[in-house]
């Protein structure tokens, strides 16, 4: 049983960096580029969700394996998020996609 939801921020940056074998500066760069925007605690500490980790993995695949630049990654992520939003809106209305 999962204690935290998929979108609940629970991981600090050092844990994410270790889990994904990335440098924390890369994660900060992704944040500056607004590719992944972790939530912040009252003291300013970054907290990442499991969804954020999946997004970071996707960014890595797109840039390293597919050769997509960061502008392209941003567009792909925006389109995927919009697609998810629309699917959710449709399913809430009881229609099928």
PDB file of N, CA and C in Angstrom:
ATOM      1  N   UNK A   1       0.841  -1.184   0.000  1.00  0.00           N
ATOM      2  CA  UNK A   1       0.000   0.000   0.000  1.00  0.00           C
ATOM      3  C   UNK A   1       0.881   1.240   0.000  1.00  0.00           C
ATOM      4  N   UNK A   2       0.607   2.182  -0.922  1.00  0.00           N
ATOM      5  CA  UNK A   2       1.356   3.427  -0.991  1.00  0.00           C
ATOM      6  C   UNK A   2       0.858   4.386   0.076  1.00  0.00           C
ATOM      7  N   UNK A   3       1.806   4.985   0.778  1.00  0.00           N
ATOM      8  CA  UNK A   3       1.470   5.950   1.804  1.00  0.00           C
ATOM      9  C   UNK A   3       1.235   7.315   1.169  1.00  0.00           C
ATOM     10  N   UNK A   4       2.005   7.629   0.134  1.00  0.00           N
ATOM     11  CA  UNK A   4       1.936   8.924  -0.524  1.00  0.00           C
ATOM     12  C   UNK A   4       1.387   8.763  -1.938  1.00  0.00           C
ATOM     13  N   UNK A   5       0.647   9.771  -2.368  1.00  0.00           N
ATOM     14  CA  UNK A   5       0.116   9.738  -3.724  1.00  0.00           C
ATOM     15  C   UNK A   5       1.236   9.999  -4.738  1.00  0.00           C
ATOM     16  N   UNK A   6       0.952   9.702  -5.977  1.00  0.00           N
ATOM     17  CA  UNK A   6       1.908   9.854  -7.080  1.00  0.00           C
ATOM     18  C   UNK A   6       2.390  11.291  -7.216  1.00  0.00           C
ATOM     19  N   UNK A   7       1.537  12.245  -6.928  1.00  0.00           N
ATOM     20  CA  UNK A   7       1.887  13.652  -7.106  1.00  0.00           C
ATOM     21  C   UNK A   7       2.271  14.359  -5.816  1.00  0.00           C
ATOM     22  N   UNK A   8       2.317  13.625  -4.712  1.00  0.00           N
ATOM     23  CA  UNK A   8       2.674  14.243  -3.434  1.00  0.00           C
ATOM     24  C   UNK A   8       4.188  14.425  -3.344  1.00  0.00           C
ATOM     25  N   UNK A   9       4.651  15.642  -3.072  1.00  0.00           N
ATOM     26  CA  UNK A   9       6.095  15.876  -2.970  1.00  0.00           C
ATOM     27  C   UNK A   9       6.666  15.320  -1.673  1.00  0.00           C
ATOM     28  N   UNK A  10       7.629  14.409  -1.804  1.00  0.00           N
ATOM     29  CA  UNK A  10       8.192  13.776  -0.604  1.00  0.00           C
ATOM     30  C   UNK A  10       9.717  13.635  -0.648  1.00  0.00           C
ATOM     31  N   UNK A  11      10.340  13.777  -1.815  1.00  0.00           N
ATOM     32  CA  UNK A  11      11.776  13.534  -1.944  1.00  0.00           C
ATOM     33  C   UNK A  11      12.554  14.846  -1.989  1.00  0.00           C
ATOM     34  N   UNK A  12      13.615  14.936  -1.186  1.00  0.00           N
ATOM     35  CA  UNK A  12      14.481  16.108  -1.259  1.00  0.00           C
ATOM     36  C   UNK A  12      15.461  15.932  -2.419  1.00  0.00           C
ATOM     37  N   UNK A  13      16.093  17.018  -2.822  1.00  0.00           N
ATOM     38  CA  UNK A  13      16.908  17.013  -4.025  1.00  0.00           C
ATOM     39  C   UNK A  13      18.058  16.003  -3.961  1.00  0.00           C
ATOM     40  N   UNK A  14      18.677  15.847  -2.807  1.00  0.00           N
ATOM     41  CA  UNK A  14      19.794  14.900  -2.711  1.00  0.00           C
ATOM     42  C   UNK A  14      19.333  13.464  -2.923  1.00  0.00           C
ATOM     43  N   UNK A  15      18.138  13.136  -2.455  1.00  0.00           N
ATOM     44  CA  UNK A  15      17.590  11.793  -2.646  1.00  0.00           C
ATOM     45  C   UNK A  15      17.270  11.567  -4.118  1.00  0.00           C
ATOM     46  N   UNK A  16      16.661  12.567  -4.767  1.00  0.00           N
ATOM     47  CA  UNK A  16      16.342  12.458  -6.196  1.00  0.00           C
ATOM     48  C   UNK A  16      17.624  12.282  -7.000  1.00  0.00           C
ATOM     49  N   UNK A  17      18.634  13.071  -6.682  1.00  0.00           N
ATOM     50  CA  UNK A  17      19.914  12.974  -7.390  1.00  0.00           C
ATOM     51  C   UNK A  17      20.505  11.573  -7.237  1.00  0.00           C
ATOM     52  N   UNK A  18      20.446  11.011  -6.041  1.00  0.00           N
ATOM     53  CA  UNK A  18      20.957   9.653  -5.816  1.00  0.00           C
ATOM     54  C   UNK A  18      20.121   8.613  -6.552  1.00  0.00           C
ATOM     55  N   UNK A  19      18.808   8.724  -6.449  1.00  0.00           N
ATOM     56  CA  UNK A  19      17.927   7.747  -7.100  1.00  0.00           C
ATOM     57  C   UNK A  19      18.116   7.722  -8.615  1.00  0.00           C
ATOM     58  N   UNK A  20      18.281   8.899  -9.212  1.00  0.00           N
ATOM     59  CA  UNK A  20      18.371   9.000 -10.664  1.00  0.00           C
ATOM     60  C   UNK A  20      19.811   9.087 -11.172  1.00  0.00           C
ATOM     61  N   UNK A  21      20.757   9.008 -10.231  1.00  0.00           N
ATOM     62  CA  UNK A  21      22.183   9.089 -10.567  1.00  0.00           C
ATOM     63  C   UNK A  21      22.472  10.328 -11.411  1.00  0.00           C
ATOM     64  N   UNK A  22      22.040  11.472 -10.878  1.00  0.00           N
ATOM     65  CA  UNK A  22      22.227  12.758 -11.527  1.00  0.00           C
ATOM     66  C   UNK A  22      22.852  13.728 -10.530  1.00  0.00           C
ATOM     67  N   UNK A  23      23.459  14.764 -11.054  1.00  0.00           N
ATOM     68  CA  UNK A  23      24.003  15.802 -10.194  1.00  0.00           C
ATOM     69  C   UNK A  23      22.867  16.737  -9.773  1.00  0.00           C
ATOM     70  N   UNK A  24      22.849  17.170  -8.530  1.00  0.00           N
ATOM     71  CA  UNK A  24      21.803  18.098  -8.093  1.00  0.00           C
ATOM     72  C   UNK A  24      21.738  19.373  -8.940  1.00  0.00           C
ATOM     73  N   UNK A  25      22.876  19.802  -9.479  1.00  0.00           N
ATOM     74  CA  UNK A  25      22.869  20.999 -10.332  1.00  0.00           C
ATOM     75  C   UNK A  25      22.030  20.787 -11.587  1.00  0.00           C
ATOM     76  N   UNK A  26      22.009  19.556 -12.090  1.00  0.00           N
ATOM     77  CA  UNK A  26      21.174  19.256 -13.257  1.00  0.00           C
ATOM     78  C   UNK A  26      19.709  19.430 -12.900  1.00  0.00           C
ATOM     79  N   UNK A  27      19.333  18.988 -11.725  1.00  0.00           N
ATOM     80  CA  UNK A  27      17.948  19.146 -11.266  1.00  0.00           C
ATOM     81  C   UNK A  27      17.617  20.626 -11.085  1.00  0.00           C
ATOM     82  N   UNK A  28      18.546  21.392 -10.554  1.00  0.00           N
ATOM     83  CA  UNK A  28      18.321  22.836 -10.403  1.00  0.00           C
ATOM     84  C   UNK A  28      18.197  23.504 -11.764  1.00  0.00           C
ATOM     85  N   UNK A  29      18.998  23.049 -12.733  1.00  0.00           N
ATOM     86  CA  UNK A  29      18.922  23.580 -14.094  1.00  0.00           C
ATOM     87  C   UNK A  29      17.551  23.292 -14.707  1.00  0.00           C
ATOM     88  N   UNK A  30      17.065  22.067 -14.560  1.00  0.00           N
ATOM     89  CA  UNK A  30      15.745  21.719 -15.074  1.00  0.00           C
ATOM     90  C   UNK A  30      14.678  22.614 -14.445  1.00  0.00           C
ATOM     91  N   UNK A  31      14.860  22.936 -13.169  1.00  0.00           N
ATOM     92  CA  UNK A  31      13.906  23.822 -12.504  1.00  0.00           C
ATOM     93  C   UNK A  31      13.990  25.234 -13.092  1.00  0.00           C
ATOM     94  N   UNK A  32      15.194  25.746 -13.292  1.00  0.00           N
ATOM     95  CA  UNK A  32      15.342  27.081 -13.886  1.00  0.00           C
ATOM     96  C   UNK A  32      14.721  27.142 -15.282  1.00  0.00           C
ATOM     97  N   UNK A  33      14.791  26.027 -16.006  1.00  0.00           N
ATOM     98  CA  UNK A  33      14.203  25.947 -17.339  1.00  0.00           C
ATOM     99  C   UNK A  33      12.696  25.673 -17.293  1.00  0.00           C
ATOM    100  N   UNK A  34      12.173  25.491 -16.087  1.00  0.00           N
ATOM    101  CA  UNK A  34      10.761  25.206 -15.830  1.00  0.00           C
ATOM    102  C   UNK A  34      10.295  23.903 -16.488  1.00  0.00           C
ATOM    103  N   UNK A  35      11.203  22.950 -16.608  1.00  0.00           N
ATOM    104  CA  UNK A  35      10.851  21.627 -17.116  1.00  0.00           C
ATOM    105  C   UNK A  35      10.236  20.784 -16.013  1.00  0.00           C
ATOM    106  N   UNK A  36      10.775  20.915 -14.831  1.00  0.00           N
ATOM    107  CA  UNK A  36      10.235  20.278 -13.625  1.00  0.00           C
ATOM    108  C   UNK A  36      10.291  21.337 -12.534  1.00  0.00           C
ATOM    109  N   UNK A  37       9.159  21.571 -11.905  1.00  0.00           N
ATOM    110  CA  UNK A  37       9.113  22.590 -10.856  1.00  0.00           C
ATOM    111  C   UNK A  37       8.694  21.918  -9.550  1.00  0.00           C
ATOM    112  N   UNK A  38       9.688  21.571  -8.724  1.00  0.00           N
ATOM    113  CA  UNK A  38       9.347  20.930  -7.450  1.00  0.00           C
ATOM    114  C   UNK A  38       8.652  21.921  -6.518  1.00  0.00           C
ATOM    115  N   UNK A  39       7.888  21.384  -5.617  1.00  0.00           N
ATOM    116  CA  UNK A  39       7.276  22.249  -4.613  1.00  0.00           C
ATOM    117  C   UNK A  39       8.332  22.618  -3.589  1.00  0.00           C
ATOM    118  N   UNK A  40       8.034  23.641  -2.824  1.00  0.00           N
ATOM    119  CA  UNK A  40       8.973  24.107  -1.803  1.00  0.00           C
ATOM    120  C   UNK A  40       8.330  24.052  -0.425  1.00  0.00           C
ATOM    121  N   UNK A  41       9.170  23.740   0.554  1.00  0.00           N
ATOM    122  CA  UNK A  41       8.716  23.808   1.938  1.00  0.00           C
ATOM    123  C   UNK A  41       8.713  25.275   2.355  1.00  0.00           C
ATOM    124  N   UNK A  42       8.207  25.558   3.537  1.00  0.00           N
ATOM    125  CA  UNK A  42       8.214  26.930   4.053  1.00  0.00           C
ATOM    126  C   UNK A  42       9.631  27.476   4.160  1.00  0.00           C
ATOM    127  N   UNK A  43      10.589  26.591   4.372  1.00  0.00           N
ATOM    128  CA  UNK A  43      11.985  27.023   4.478  1.00  0.00           C
ATOM    129  C   UNK A  43      12.691  27.059   3.123  1.00  0.00           C
ATOM    130  N   UNK A  44      11.973  26.725   2.044  1.00  0.00           N
ATOM    131  CA  UNK A  44      12.548  26.817   0.703  1.00  0.00           C
ATOM    132  C   UNK A  44      13.164  25.541   0.162  1.00  0.00           C
ATOM    133  N   UNK A  45      13.084  24.457   0.922  1.00  0.00           N
ATOM    134  CA  UNK A  45      13.657  23.193   0.466  1.00  0.00           C
ATOM    135  C   UNK A  45      12.804  22.596  -0.645  1.00  0.00           C
ATOM    136  N   UNK A  46      13.472  22.122  -1.711  1.00  0.00           N
ATOM    137  CA  UNK A  46      12.759  21.503  -2.831  1.00  0.00           C
ATOM    138  C   UNK A  46      12.255  20.127  -2.429  1.00  0.00           C
ATOM    139  N   UNK A  47      11.012  19.824  -2.834  1.00  0.00           N
ATOM    140  CA  UNK A  47      10.445  18.501  -2.624  1.00  0.00           C
ATOM    141  C   UNK A  47       9.875  18.002  -3.946  1.00  0.00           C
ATOM    142  N   UNK A  48      10.286  16.807  -4.332  1.00  0.00           N
ATOM    143  CA  UNK A  48       9.872  16.203  -5.594  1.00  0.00           C
ATOM    144  C   UNK A  48       8.904  15.057  -5.338  1.00  0.00           C
ATOM    145  N   UNK A  49       7.962  14.887  -6.247  1.00  0.00           N
ATOM    146  CA  UNK A  49       7.025  13.770  -6.180  1.00  0.00           C
ATOM    147  C   UNK A  49       7.529  12.636  -7.066  1.00  0.00           C
ATOM    148  N   UNK A  50       6.843  11.492  -6.993  1.00  0.00           N
ATOM    149  CA  UNK A  50       7.181  10.393  -7.909  1.00  0.00           C
ATOM    150  C   UNK A  50       6.894  10.801  -9.350  1.00  0.00           C
ATOM    151  N   UNK A  51       5.873  11.629  -9.562  1.00  0.00           N
ATOM    152  CA  UNK A  51       5.585  12.142 -10.908  1.00  0.00           C
ATOM    153  C   UNK A  51       6.751  12.992 -11.407  1.00  0.00           C
ATOM    154  N   UNK A  52       7.300  13.835 -10.538  1.00  0.00           N
ATOM    155  CA  UNK A  52       8.463  14.639 -10.914  1.00  0.00           C
ATOM    156  C   UNK A  52       9.626  13.735 -11.328  1.00  0.00           C
ATOM    157  N   UNK A  53       9.847  12.663 -10.573  1.00  0.00           N
ATOM    158  CA  UNK A  53      10.917  11.731 -10.924  1.00  0.00           C
ATOM    159  C   UNK A  53      10.682  11.122 -12.296  1.00  0.00           C
ATOM    160  N   UNK A  54       9.456  10.740 -12.599  1.00  0.00           N
ATOM    161  CA  UNK A  54       9.146  10.198 -13.924  1.00  0.00           C
ATOM    162  C   UNK A  54       9.370  11.245 -15.012  1.00  0.00           C
ATOM    163  N   UNK A  55       8.999  12.497 -14.732  1.00  0.00           N
ATOM    164  CA  UNK A  55       9.236  13.568 -15.707  1.00  0.00           C
ATOM    165  C   UNK A  55      10.734  13.764 -15.952  1.00  0.00           C
ATOM    166  N   UNK A  56      11.518  13.706 -14.900  1.00  0.00           N
ATOM    167  CA  UNK A  56      12.969  13.865 -15.035  1.00  0.00           C
ATOM    168  C   UNK A  56      13.552  12.716 -15.851  1.00  0.00           C
ATOM    169  N   UNK A  57      13.087  11.509 -15.590  1.00  0.00           N
ATOM    170  CA  UNK A  57      13.535  10.360 -16.390  1.00  0.00           C
ATOM    171  C   UNK A  57      13.186  10.564 -17.862  1.00  0.00           C
ATOM    172  N   UNK A  58      11.988  11.081 -18.116  1.00  0.00           N
ATOM    173  CA  UNK A  58      11.562  11.333 -19.501  1.00  0.00           C
ATOM    174  C   UNK A  58      12.437  12.404 -20.152  1.00  0.00           C
ATOM    175  N   UNK A  59      12.762  13.446 -19.418  1.00  0.00           N
ATOM    176  CA  UNK A  59      13.645  14.493 -19.938  1.00  0.00           C
ATOM    177  C   UNK A  59      14.986  13.893 -20.322  1.00  0.00           C
ATOM    178  N   UNK A  60      15.494  13.024 -19.470  1.00  0.00           N
ATOM    179  CA  UNK A  60      16.794  12.398 -19.739  1.00  0.00           C
ATOM    180  C   UNK A  60      16.739  11.539 -21.001  1.00  0.00           C
ATOM    181  N   UNK A  61      15.678  10.766 -21.159  1.00  0.00           N
ATOM    182  CA  UNK A  61      15.537   9.938 -22.370  1.00  0.00           C
ATOM    183  C   UNK A  61      15.439  10.821 -23.608  1.00  0.00           C
ATOM    184  N   UNK A  62      14.615  11.846 -23.533  1.00  0.00           N
ATOM    185  CA  UNK A  62      14.429  12.720 -24.698  1.00  0.00           C
ATOM    186  C   UNK A  62      15.730  13.407 -25.107  1.00  0.00           C
ATOM    187  N   UNK A  63      16.495  13.880 -24.120  1.00  0.00           N
ATOM    188  CA  UNK A  63      17.724  14.609 -24.464  1.00  0.00           C
ATOM    189  C   UNK A  63      18.878  13.681 -24.815  1.00  0.00           C
ATOM    190  N   UNK A  64      19.062  12.624 -24.055  1.00  0.00           N
ATOM    191  CA  UNK A  64      20.222  11.749 -24.265  1.00  0.00           C
ATOM    192  C   UNK A  64      20.020  10.723 -25.374  1.00  0.00           C
ATOM    193  N   UNK A  65      18.852  10.103 -25.400  1.00  0.00           N
ATOM    194  CA  UNK A  65      18.627   9.008 -26.344  1.00  0.00           C
ATOM    195  C   UNK A  65      17.960   9.454 -27.638  1.00  0.00           C
ATOM    196  N   UNK A  66      17.106  10.455 -27.545  1.00  0.00           N
ATOM    197  CA  UNK A  66      16.349  10.887 -28.724  1.00  0.00           C
ATOM    198  C   UNK A  66      16.940  12.139 -29.372  1.00  0.00           C
ATOM    199  N   UNK A  67      17.877  12.808 -28.701  1.00  0.00           N
ATOM    200  CA  UNK A  67      18.527  13.979 -29.275  1.00  0.00           C
ATOM    201  C   UNK A  67      17.669  15.232 -29.325  1.00  0.00           C
ATOM    202  N   UNK A  68      16.647  15.297 -28.471  1.00  0.00           N
ATOM    203  CA  UNK A  68      15.758  16.452 -28.446  1.00  0.00           C
ATOM    204  C   UNK A  68      16.403  17.553 -27.608  1.00  0.00           C
ATOM    205  N   UNK A  69      16.362  18.788 -28.118  1.00  0.00           N
ATOM    206  CA  UNK A  69      16.905  19.894 -27.323  1.00  0.00           C
ATOM    207  C   UNK A  69      15.886  20.308 -26.266  1.00  0.00           C
ATOM    208  N   UNK A  70      16.301  21.184 -25.345  1.00  0.00           N
ATOM    209  CA  UNK A  70      15.431  21.526 -24.217  1.00  0.00           C
ATOM    210  C   UNK A  70      14.170  22.267 -24.647  1.00  0.00           C
ATOM    211  N   UNK A  71      14.242  23.055 -25.714  1.00  0.00           N
ATOM    212  CA  UNK A  71      13.031  23.714 -26.217  1.00  0.00           C
ATOM    213  C   UNK A  71      12.027  22.665 -26.697  1.00  0.00           C
ATOM    214  N   UNK A  72      12.519  21.646 -27.375  1.00  0.00           N
ATOM    215  CA  UNK A  72      11.654  20.552 -27.820  1.00  0.00           C
ATOM    216  C   UNK A  72      11.100  19.765 -26.652  1.00  0.00           C
ATOM    217  N   UNK A  73      11.934  19.526 -25.648  1.00  0.00           N
ATOM    218  CA  UNK A  73      11.478  18.817 -24.445  1.00  0.00           C
ATOM    219  C   UNK A  73      10.341  19.588 -23.794  1.00  0.00           C
ATOM    220  N   UNK A  74      10.506  20.913 -23.686  1.00  0.00           N
ATOM    221  CA  UNK A  74       9.468  21.739 -23.066  1.00  0.00           C
ATOM    222  C   UNK A  74       8.145  21.583 -23.819  1.00  0.00           C
ATOM    223  N   UNK A  75       8.193  21.629 -25.140  1.00  0.00           N
ATOM    224  CA  UNK A  75       6.973  21.499 -25.945  1.00  0.00           C
ATOM    225  C   UNK A  75       6.350  20.116 -25.754  1.00  0.00           C
ATOM    226  N   UNK A  76       7.175  19.080 -25.784  1.00  0.00           N
ATOM    227  CA  UNK A  76       6.671  17.707 -25.606  1.00  0.00           C
ATOM    228  C   UNK A  76       6.002  17.558 -24.245  1.00  0.00           C
ATOM    229  N   UNK A  77       6.655  18.048 -23.193  1.00  0.00           N
ATOM    230  CA  UNK A  77       6.077  17.939 -21.849  1.00  0.00           C
ATOM    231  C   UNK A  77       4.778  18.728 -21.739  1.00  0.00           C
ATOM    232  N   UNK A  78       4.739  19.929 -22.318  1.00  0.00           N
ATOM    233  CA  UNK A  78       3.520  20.737 -22.279  1.00  0.00           C
ATOM    234  C   UNK A  78       2.379  20.025 -23.001  1.00  0.00           C
ATOM    235  N   UNK A  79       2.660  19.440 -24.158  1.00  0.00           N
ATOM    236  CA  UNK A  79       1.630  18.724 -24.905  1.00  0.00           C
ATOM    237  C   UNK A  79       1.140  17.497 -24.145  1.00  0.00           C
ATOM    238  N   UNK A  80       2.052  16.768 -23.528  1.00  0.00           N
ATOM    239  CA  UNK A  80       1.650  15.585 -22.753  1.00  0.00           C
ATOM    240  C   UNK A  80       0.800  15.976 -21.553  1.00  0.00           C
ATOM    241  N   UNK A  81       1.184  17.068 -20.884  1.00  0.00           N
ATOM    242  CA  UNK A  81       0.406  17.522 -19.726  1.00  0.00           C
ATOM    243  C   UNK A  81      -0.984  17.991 -20.155  1.00  0.00           C
ATOM    244  N   UNK A  82      -1.052  18.699 -21.264  1.00  0.00           N
ATOM    245  CA  UNK A  82      -2.346  19.136 -21.771  1.00  0.00           C
ATOM    246  C   UNK A  82      -3.202  17.936 -22.162  1.00  0.00           C
ATOM    247  N   UNK A  83      -2.588  16.943 -22.774  1.00  0.00           N
ATOM    248  CA  UNK A  83      -3.293  15.719 -23.138  1.00  0.00           C
ATOM    249  C   UNK A  83      -3.856  15.049 -21.884  1.00  0.00           C
ATOM    250  N   UNK A  84      -3.052  14.947 -20.831  1.00  0.00           N
ATOM    251  CA  UNK A  84      -3.516  14.356 -19.572  1.00  0.00           C
ATOM    252  C   UNK A  84      -4.677  15.153 -18.993  1.00  0.00           C
ATOM    253  N   UNK A  85      -4.555  16.483 -19.028  1.00  0.00           N
ATOM    254  CA  UNK A  85      -5.609  17.338 -18.490  1.00  0.00           C
ATOM    255  C   UNK A  85      -6.914  17.124 -19.250  1.00  0.00           C
ATOM    256  N   UNK A  86      -6.831  17.069 -20.564  1.00  0.00           N
ATOM    257  CA  UNK A  86      -8.025  16.865 -21.384  1.00  0.00           C
ATOM    258  C   UNK A  86      -8.638  15.486 -21.155  1.00  0.00           C
ATOM    259  N   UNK A  87      -7.791  14.462 -21.049  1.00  0.00           N
ATOM    260  CA  UNK A  87      -8.295  13.113 -20.780  1.00  0.00           C
ATOM    261  C   UNK A  87      -9.022  13.056 -19.441  1.00  0.00           C
ATOM    262  N   UNK A  88      -8.467  13.728 -18.454  1.00  0.00           N
ATOM    263  CA  UNK A  88      -9.102  13.775 -17.136  1.00  0.00           C
ATOM    264  C   UNK A  88     -10.450  14.474 -17.222  1.00  0.00           C
ATOM    265  N   UNK A  89     -10.493  15.599 -17.930  1.00  0.00           N
ATOM    266  CA  UNK A  89     -11.742  16.351 -18.067  1.00  0.00           C
ATOM    267  C   UNK A  89     -12.798  15.508 -18.785  1.00  0.00           C
ATOM    268  N   UNK A  90     -12.382  14.788 -19.802  1.00  0.00           N
ATOM    269  CA  UNK A  90     -13.318  13.942 -20.551  1.00  0.00           C
ATOM    270  C   UNK A  90     -13.816  12.793 -19.681  1.00  0.00           C
ATOM    271  N   UNK A  91     -12.895  12.170 -18.957  1.00  0.00           N
ATOM    272  CA  UNK A  91     -13.310  11.021 -18.135  1.00  0.00           C
ATOM    273  C   UNK A  91     -14.228  11.464 -16.998  1.00  0.00           C
ATOM    274  N   UNK A  92     -14.043  12.675 -16.503  1.00  0.00           N
ATOM    275  CA  UNK A  92     -14.920  13.188 -15.448  1.00  0.00           C
ATOM    276  C   UNK A  92     -16.328  13.428 -15.963  1.00  0.00           C
ATOM    277  N   UNK A  93     -16.447  13.628 -17.258  1.00  0.00           N
ATOM    278  CA  UNK A  93     -17.759  13.829 -17.861  1.00  0.00           C
ATOM    279  C   UNK A  93     -18.406  12.497 -18.234  1.00  0.00           C
ATOM    280  N   UNK A  94     -17.663  11.407 -18.085  1.00  0.00           N
ATOM    281  CA  UNK A  94     -18.207  10.096 -18.355  1.00  0.00           C
ATOM    282  C   UNK A  94     -18.038   9.626 -19.784  1.00  0.00           C
ATOM    283  N   UNK A  95     -17.315  10.384 -20.581  1.00  0.00           N
ATOM    284  CA  UNK A  95     -17.077   9.983 -21.976  1.00  0.00           C
ATOM    285  C   UNK A  95     -15.800   9.137 -22.048  1.00  0.00           C
ATOM    286  N   UNK A  96     -15.641   8.418 -23.153  1.00  0.00           N
ATOM    287  CA  UNK A  96     -14.430   7.633 -23.363  1.00  0.00           C
ATOM    288  C   UNK A  96     -13.556   8.327 -24.373  1.00  0.00           C
ATOM    289  N   UNK A  97     -12.278   8.054 -24.265  1.00  0.00           N
ATOM    290  CA  UNK A  97     -11.291   8.644 -25.190  1.00  0.00           C
ATOM    291  C   UNK A  97     -10.856   7.612 -26.179  1.00  0.00           C
TER     292      UNK A  97
END
